[in-house]
Amino acid sequence: MARRTDIRPIIKLRSTAGTGHTYVTRKNRRNDPDRLVLRKYDPVLRRHVEYREER
């Protein structure tokens, strides 16, 4: 099975605060066709910031 057409691809979420911290997760392409933006905890800053999906 090709990973490119996988329904649940593995994505990286990178912090928008510029710390370089990333989370790795999966997403459902049918439910979220656009790039994800989630508020998650950044341990470098020790606060919650927005994390954006990078390709």
N, C-alpha and C. Protein backbone atom coordinates (compact mmCIF):
# COMPACT_ATOMS: atom_id res chain seq x y z
N MET A 1 0.83 -1.17 0.00
CA MET A 1 0.00 0.00 0.00
C MET A 1 0.88 1.24 0.00
N ALA A 2 0.57 2.18 -0.86
CA ALA A 2 1.35 3.40 -0.97
C ALA A 2 1.03 4.34 0.19
N ARG A 3 2.05 4.89 0.82
CA ARG A 3 1.85 5.79 1.95
C ARG A 3 1.30 7.14 1.51
N ARG A 4 1.55 7.52 0.27
CA ARG A 4 1.11 8.83 -0.22
C ARG A 4 -0.41 8.92 -0.28
N THR A 5 -1.07 7.82 -0.60
CA THR A 5 -2.52 7.83 -0.71
C THR A 5 -3.18 7.23 0.54
N ASP A 6 -2.43 7.10 1.60
CA ASP A 6 -2.95 6.53 2.83
C ASP A 6 -4.05 7.44 3.40
N ILE A 7 -5.10 6.86 3.95
CA ILE A 7 -6.21 7.64 4.51
C ILE A 7 -5.80 8.33 5.81
N ARG A 8 -4.86 7.73 6.54
CA ARG A 8 -4.38 8.32 7.80
C ARG A 8 -2.86 8.51 7.74
N PRO A 9 -2.39 9.55 7.07
CA PRO A 9 -0.94 9.75 6.97
C PRO A 9 -0.34 10.27 8.28
N ILE A 10 0.94 10.02 8.45
CA ILE A 10 1.68 10.56 9.60
C ILE A 10 2.06 11.99 9.25
N ILE A 11 1.79 12.92 10.17
CA ILE A 11 2.11 14.34 9.94
C ILE A 11 2.95 14.86 11.10
N LYS A 12 3.66 15.96 10.85
CA LYS A 12 4.41 16.66 11.89
C LYS A 12 3.70 17.96 12.21
N LEU A 13 3.59 18.27 13.49
CA LEU A 13 3.05 19.54 13.94
C LEU A 13 4.21 20.34 14.52
N ARG A 14 4.50 21.50 13.94
CA ARG A 14 5.62 22.33 14.39
C ARG A 14 5.10 23.56 15.13
N SER A 15 5.78 23.93 16.19
CA SER A 15 5.39 25.08 17.00
C SER A 15 5.52 26.38 16.21
N THR A 16 4.54 27.27 16.37
CA THR A 16 4.60 28.57 15.70
C THR A 16 5.38 29.59 16.53
N ALA A 17 5.82 29.20 17.73
CA ALA A 17 6.58 30.11 18.58
C ALA A 17 8.05 30.20 18.18
N GLY A 18 8.48 29.37 17.23
CA GLY A 18 9.85 29.44 16.77
C GLY A 18 10.84 28.66 17.61
N THR A 19 10.37 27.78 18.46
CA THR A 19 11.28 26.99 19.30
C THR A 19 11.80 25.76 18.58
N GLY A 20 11.15 25.35 17.50
CA GLY A 20 11.59 24.18 16.76
C GLY A 20 11.03 22.88 17.30
N HIS A 21 10.19 22.93 18.30
CA HIS A 21 9.60 21.72 18.87
C HIS A 21 8.52 21.18 17.95
N THR A 22 8.45 19.85 17.81
CA THR A 22 7.45 19.22 16.95
C THR A 22 6.76 18.09 17.67
N TYR A 23 5.53 17.83 17.28
CA TYR A 23 4.78 16.64 17.66
C TYR A 23 4.56 15.83 16.40
N VAL A 24 4.48 14.50 16.53
CA VAL A 24 4.20 13.62 15.40
C VAL A 24 2.89 12.92 15.70
N THR A 25 1.97 12.96 14.73
CA THR A 25 0.66 12.35 14.93
C THR A 25 0.11 11.88 13.59
N ARG A 26 -1.10 11.36 13.59
CA ARG A 26 -1.78 10.95 12.37
C ARG A 26 -3.04 11.78 12.22
N LYS A 27 -3.50 11.92 10.98
CA LYS A 27 -4.76 12.62 10.76
C LYS A 27 -5.56 11.89 9.70
N ASN A 28 -6.86 12.10 9.72
CA ASN A 28 -7.76 11.51 8.75
C ASN A 28 -7.93 12.51 7.61
N ARG A 29 -7.51 12.14 6.40
CA ARG A 29 -7.58 13.06 5.26
C ARG A 29 -9.01 13.38 4.84
N ARG A 30 -9.93 12.47 5.08
CA ARG A 30 -11.33 12.73 4.67
C ARG A 30 -11.97 13.76 5.58
N ASN A 31 -11.68 13.72 6.86
CA ASN A 31 -12.27 14.68 7.80
C ASN A 31 -11.52 16.01 7.82
N ASP A 32 -10.21 16.00 7.61
CA ASP A 32 -9.38 17.21 7.68
C ASP A 32 -8.51 17.32 6.44
N PRO A 33 -9.08 17.72 5.30
CA PRO A 33 -8.27 17.80 4.08
C PRO A 33 -7.26 18.96 4.11
N ASP A 34 -7.54 20.01 4.90
CA ASP A 34 -6.63 21.15 4.99
C ASP A 34 -5.57 20.88 6.06
N ARG A 35 -4.63 21.81 6.18
CA ARG A 35 -3.60 21.65 7.20
C ARG A 35 -4.17 21.88 8.59
N LEU A 36 -3.75 21.07 9.53
CA LEU A 36 -4.25 21.18 10.91
C LEU A 36 -3.56 22.32 11.64
N VAL A 37 -4.32 22.96 12.53
CA VAL A 37 -3.78 23.95 13.47
C VAL A 37 -4.37 23.59 14.83
N LEU A 38 -3.50 23.21 15.76
CA LEU A 38 -3.93 22.81 17.09
C LEU A 38 -3.16 23.59 18.15
N ARG A 39 -3.83 23.85 19.29
CA ARG A 39 -3.13 24.45 20.42
C ARG A 39 -2.62 23.31 21.30
N LYS A 40 -1.30 23.24 21.45
CA LYS A 40 -0.69 22.19 22.25
C LYS A 40 0.39 22.81 23.14
N TYR A 41 0.84 22.02 24.09
CA TYR A 41 1.84 22.48 25.06
C TYR A 41 3.23 22.45 24.44
N ASP A 42 3.96 23.57 24.55
CA ASP A 42 5.34 23.65 24.10
C ASP A 42 6.24 23.58 25.33
N PRO A 43 6.96 22.47 25.53
CA PRO A 43 7.78 22.33 26.74
C PRO A 43 8.99 23.27 26.77
N VAL A 44 9.39 23.80 25.64
CA VAL A 44 10.51 24.74 25.62
C VAL A 44 10.08 26.07 26.23
N LEU A 45 8.90 26.57 25.83
CA LEU A 45 8.35 27.82 26.37
C LEU A 45 7.58 27.62 27.67
N ARG A 46 7.17 26.37 27.92
CA ARG A 46 6.34 26.01 29.06
C ARG A 46 5.00 26.74 29.03
N ARG A 47 4.37 26.76 27.85
CA ARG A 47 3.03 27.31 27.70
C ARG A 47 2.38 26.70 26.47
N HIS A 48 1.08 26.91 26.32
CA HIS A 48 0.35 26.41 25.15
C HIS A 48 0.48 27.41 24.01
N VAL A 49 0.80 26.90 22.82
CA VAL A 49 0.90 27.72 21.61
C VAL A 49 0.26 26.95 20.46
N GLU A 50 0.10 27.63 19.33
CA GLU A 50 -0.45 26.96 18.16
C GLU A 50 0.62 26.13 17.47
N TYR A 51 0.22 24.95 17.05
CA TYR A 51 1.08 24.06 16.27
C TYR A 51 0.43 23.89 14.91
N ARG A 52 1.21 24.05 13.84
CA ARG A 52 0.68 23.93 12.49
C ARG A 52 1.29 22.71 11.81
N GLU A 53 0.49 22.10 10.96
CA GLU A 53 0.94 20.94 10.21
C GLU A 53 1.95 21.38 9.15
N GLU A 54 3.05 20.65 9.07
CA GLU A 54 4.02 20.91 8.00
C GLU A 54 4.14 19.68 7.13
N ARG A 55 4.49 19.87 5.89
CA ARG A 55 4.58 18.75 4.96
C ARG A 55 6.01 18.46 4.60
